[in-house]
């Protein structure tokens, strides 16, 4: 999560906690007769006790609406916690001096980039996925042979596959997020 989201969540949860603590303390003090009429009035007003059928229906409707609102707010908050970068299915490229607007399948773009990276020395496997369309962002997972020079592979990705991608898309920049990991050793068979 981002810092601004973390800070906003902390502030919001603190305010909700303080509000609920204050309401709980008020209810306890009022029930004990310390606040609000020295115990003469009940904690729940006469209207909320719903003495008539019409009041009961109205009260239940209000409670149901409040419950739906709380559920909606909770779901919105939970969805806000999810990562924003999800795989996209297509990329719409803006028109350039030589082309009109182009819609390109993200899978084709990812496969072409991964295949280009896979051809590099020391790379055993590569996979890519487009996570954002504007500006274009691609996550690239690269498996390396043991002993491969990480700096050399990173430089090779910038020199060839990244440059090919930028030229093919006629883009000035792409956010390429590369993750390197060692390839799993092949299972050895004992004869």
Protein backbone atom coordinates (compact mmCIF):
# COMPACT_ATOMS: atom_id res chain seq x y z
CA UNK A 1 0.00 0.00 0.00
CA UNK A 2 1.01 3.58 -0.47
CA UNK A 3 1.88 5.89 2.39
CA UNK A 4 -1.04 8.21 1.72
CA UNK A 5 -3.45 5.26 1.84
CA UNK A 6 -1.87 3.99 5.04
CA UNK A 7 -2.10 7.42 6.66
CA UNK A 8 -5.71 7.90 5.54
CA UNK A 9 -6.65 4.46 6.90
CA UNK A 10 -4.96 5.15 10.21
CA UNK A 11 -6.71 8.50 10.61
CA UNK A 12 -10.11 7.11 9.59
CA UNK A 13 -9.85 4.09 11.88
CA UNK A 14 -8.69 6.29 14.76
CA UNK A 15 -11.68 8.63 14.30
CA UNK A 16 -14.13 5.71 14.09
CA UNK A 17 -12.55 4.18 17.21
CA UNK A 18 -12.78 7.46 19.13
CA UNK A 19 -16.40 7.96 18.05
CA UNK A 20 -17.40 4.46 19.13
CA UNK A 21 -15.51 4.82 22.42
CA UNK A 22 -17.24 8.14 23.11
CA UNK A 23 -20.68 6.73 22.29
CA UNK A 24 -20.06 3.69 24.48
CA UNK A 25 -18.88 5.84 27.40
CA UNK A 26 -21.89 8.15 27.00
CA UNK A 27 -24.27 5.16 26.99
CA UNK A 28 -22.69 3.74 30.13
CA UNK A 29 -22.75 7.08 31.96
CA UNK A 30 -26.33 7.77 30.93
CA UNK A 31 -27.45 4.32 31.97
CA UNK A 32 -25.80 4.85 35.36
CA UNK A 33 -27.62 8.16 35.74
CA UNK A 34 -24.46 10.31 35.65
CA UNK A 35 -25.36 12.18 32.43
CA UNK A 36 -28.59 13.32 30.82
CA UNK A 37 -31.32 13.64 33.39
CA UNK A 38 -29.96 11.64 36.32
CA UNK A 39 -31.59 8.36 35.30
CA UNK A 40 -35.14 9.68 34.93
CA UNK A 41 -35.31 8.99 31.18
CA UNK A 42 -34.63 5.57 29.73
CA UNK A 43 -31.52 5.26 27.52
CA UNK A 44 -33.68 4.33 24.52
CA UNK A 45 -36.31 6.96 23.77
CA UNK A 46 -39.99 6.12 23.64
CA UNK A 47 -40.04 6.53 19.84
CA UNK A 48 -37.20 4.03 19.39
CA UNK A 49 -39.02 1.48 21.53
CA UNK A 50 -41.57 1.41 18.70
CA UNK A 51 -44.82 1.06 20.50
CA UNK A 52 -46.93 1.06 17.32
CA UNK A 53 -46.71 -1.14 14.20
CA UNK A 54 -45.97 1.86 11.91
CA UNK A 55 -43.06 2.90 14.12
CA UNK A 56 -41.66 -0.64 14.09
CA UNK A 57 -41.77 -0.81 10.28
CA UNK A 58 -40.13 2.61 9.96
CA UNK A 59 -37.47 1.75 12.54
CA UNK A 60 -36.65 -1.56 10.84
CA UNK A 61 -36.42 0.20 7.47
CA UNK A 62 -34.01 2.79 8.88
CA UNK A 63 -31.91 0.08 10.52
CA UNK A 64 -31.81 -1.92 7.26
CA UNK A 65 -30.75 1.18 5.29
CA UNK A 66 -28.02 1.91 7.86
CA UNK A 67 -26.81 -1.71 7.65
CA UNK A 68 -26.66 -1.57 3.84
CA UNK A 69 -24.74 1.70 4.02
CA UNK A 70 -22.24 0.21 6.49
CA UNK A 71 -21.80 -2.88 4.30
CA UNK A 72 -21.23 -0.70 1.22
CA UNK A 73 -18.66 1.43 3.07
CA UNK A 74 -16.89 -1.69 4.34
CA UNK A 75 -16.71 -3.21 0.86
CA UNK A 76 -15.48 0.06 -0.64
CA UNK A 77 -12.76 0.22 2.00
CA UNK A 78 -11.74 -3.40 1.39
CA UNK A 79 -11.56 -2.84 -2.38
CA UNK A 80 -9.41 0.23 -1.80
CA UNK A 81 -6.88 -2.00 -0.01
CA UNK A 82 -6.36 -4.21 -3.06
CA UNK A 83 -3.38 -3.50 -5.32
CA UNK A 84 -4.18 -1.09 -8.10
CA UNK A 85 -1.98 -2.77 -10.70
CA UNK A 86 -4.04 -5.59 -12.15
CA UNK A 87 -3.36 -7.21 -15.48
CA UNK A 88 -5.09 -5.47 -18.38
CA UNK A 89 -6.42 -7.26 -21.45
CA UNK A 90 -5.59 -4.71 -24.14
CA UNK A 91 -3.50 -1.61 -24.69
CA UNK A 92 -4.81 1.36 -26.66
CA UNK A 93 -1.88 3.24 -28.15
CA UNK A 94 -2.32 6.92 -28.85
CA UNK A 95 -1.93 8.12 -32.45
CA UNK A 96 1.52 9.19 -33.58
CA UNK A 97 2.70 11.08 -36.66
CA UNK A 98 2.71 7.82 -38.68
CA UNK A 99 -0.21 5.87 -37.19
CA UNK A 100 -3.77 6.21 -36.02
CA UNK A 101 -4.96 4.85 -32.70
CA UNK A 102 -4.02 1.19 -32.28
CA UNK A 103 -5.64 -1.39 -29.98
CA UNK A 104 -3.18 -4.12 -29.12
CA UNK A 105 -3.79 -7.28 -27.12
CA UNK A 106 -1.82 -7.17 -23.89
CA UNK A 107 -1.11 -10.89 -24.16
CA UNK A 108 0.57 -10.43 -27.56
CA UNK A 109 2.66 -7.57 -26.20
CA UNK A 110 3.64 -9.56 -23.09
CA UNK A 111 4.49 -12.70 -25.08
CA UNK A 112 6.65 -10.78 -27.56
CA UNK A 113 8.59 -9.09 -24.75
CA UNK A 114 9.02 -12.33 -22.79
CA UNK A 115 10.22 -14.19 -25.89
CA UNK A 116 12.74 -11.44 -26.64
CA UNK A 117 14.07 -11.56 -23.05
CA UNK A 118 14.16 -15.38 -23.08
CA UNK A 119 16.66 -15.26 -25.98
CA UNK A 120 19.24 -13.45 -23.82
CA UNK A 121 22.29 -15.35 -22.52
CA UNK A 122 21.81 -16.72 -19.02
CA UNK A 123 18.00 -16.45 -19.07
CA UNK A 124 16.17 -19.76 -18.63
CA UNK A 125 12.62 -18.41 -18.62
CA UNK A 126 10.76 -15.11 -18.83
CA UNK A 127 7.14 -14.06 -18.44
CA UNK A 128 5.53 -10.65 -18.66
CA UNK A 129 2.16 -9.04 -18.00
CA UNK A 130 0.82 -5.57 -18.71
CA UNK A 131 -0.39 -4.06 -15.42
CA UNK A 132 -1.25 -0.52 -16.49
CA UNK A 133 -2.23 1.02 -19.80
CA UNK A 134 -1.57 4.75 -19.28
CA UNK A 135 1.34 5.18 -18.78
CA UNK A 136 2.31 1.73 -19.98
CA UNK A 137 3.63 -0.49 -17.17
CA UNK A 138 4.80 -4.08 -17.60
CA UNK A 139 5.94 -6.58 -14.96
CA UNK A 140 8.67 -8.90 -16.20
CA UNK A 141 9.73 -12.06 -14.31
CA UNK A 142 13.10 -13.41 -15.41
CA UNK A 143 14.61 -16.74 -14.33
CA UNK A 144 18.39 -16.83 -14.49
CA UNK A 145 20.91 -19.66 -14.61
CA UNK A 146 23.11 -19.94 -11.56
CA UNK A 147 26.23 -17.80 -11.93
CA UNK A 148 24.67 -15.39 -14.45
CA UNK A 149 25.82 -11.79 -14.16
CA UNK A 150 22.71 -9.88 -13.05
CA UNK A 151 24.08 -6.52 -14.17
CA UNK A 152 24.87 -7.83 -17.64
CA UNK A 153 21.36 -9.31 -18.05
CA UNK A 154 19.73 -6.10 -16.79
CA UNK A 155 21.81 -4.06 -19.24
CA UNK A 156 20.98 -6.50 -22.06
CA UNK A 157 17.24 -6.17 -21.33
CA UNK A 158 17.53 -2.37 -21.53
CA UNK A 159 19.59 -2.51 -24.74
CA UNK A 160 17.61 -5.01 -26.78
CA UNK A 161 14.11 -6.12 -25.61
CA UNK A 162 13.17 -2.79 -24.00
CA UNK A 163 14.46 -0.81 -26.98
CA UNK A 164 12.63 -3.13 -29.41
CA UNK A 165 9.42 -2.66 -27.42
CA UNK A 166 9.72 1.14 -27.44
CA UNK A 167 10.47 1.19 -31.17
CA UNK A 168 7.60 -1.15 -32.03
CA UNK A 169 5.10 0.84 -29.96
CA UNK A 170 6.59 4.21 -30.98
CA UNK A 171 6.63 5.19 -27.31
CA UNK A 172 9.16 7.34 -25.53
CA UNK A 173 8.98 5.50 -22.22
CA UNK A 174 7.63 2.33 -20.61
CA UNK A 175 7.63 1.43 -16.92
CA UNK A 176 9.34 -1.96 -17.01
CA UNK A 177 9.40 -3.63 -13.58
CA UNK A 178 11.89 -6.50 -13.72
CA UNK A 179 12.11 -9.23 -11.06
CA UNK A 180 15.01 -11.63 -11.23
CA UNK A 181 15.18 -15.03 -9.58
CA UNK A 182 17.32 -18.11 -9.95
CA UNK A 183 15.91 -20.94 -12.00
CA UNK A 184 15.15 -24.10 -10.10
CA UNK A 185 17.77 -26.74 -10.72
CA UNK A 186 16.66 -29.62 -12.89
CA UNK A 187 15.80 -32.78 -10.98
CA UNK A 188 18.69 -35.21 -11.00
CA UNK A 189 18.07 -38.81 -11.79
CA UNK A 190 20.19 -41.51 -10.25
CA UNK A 191 20.62 -44.51 -12.52
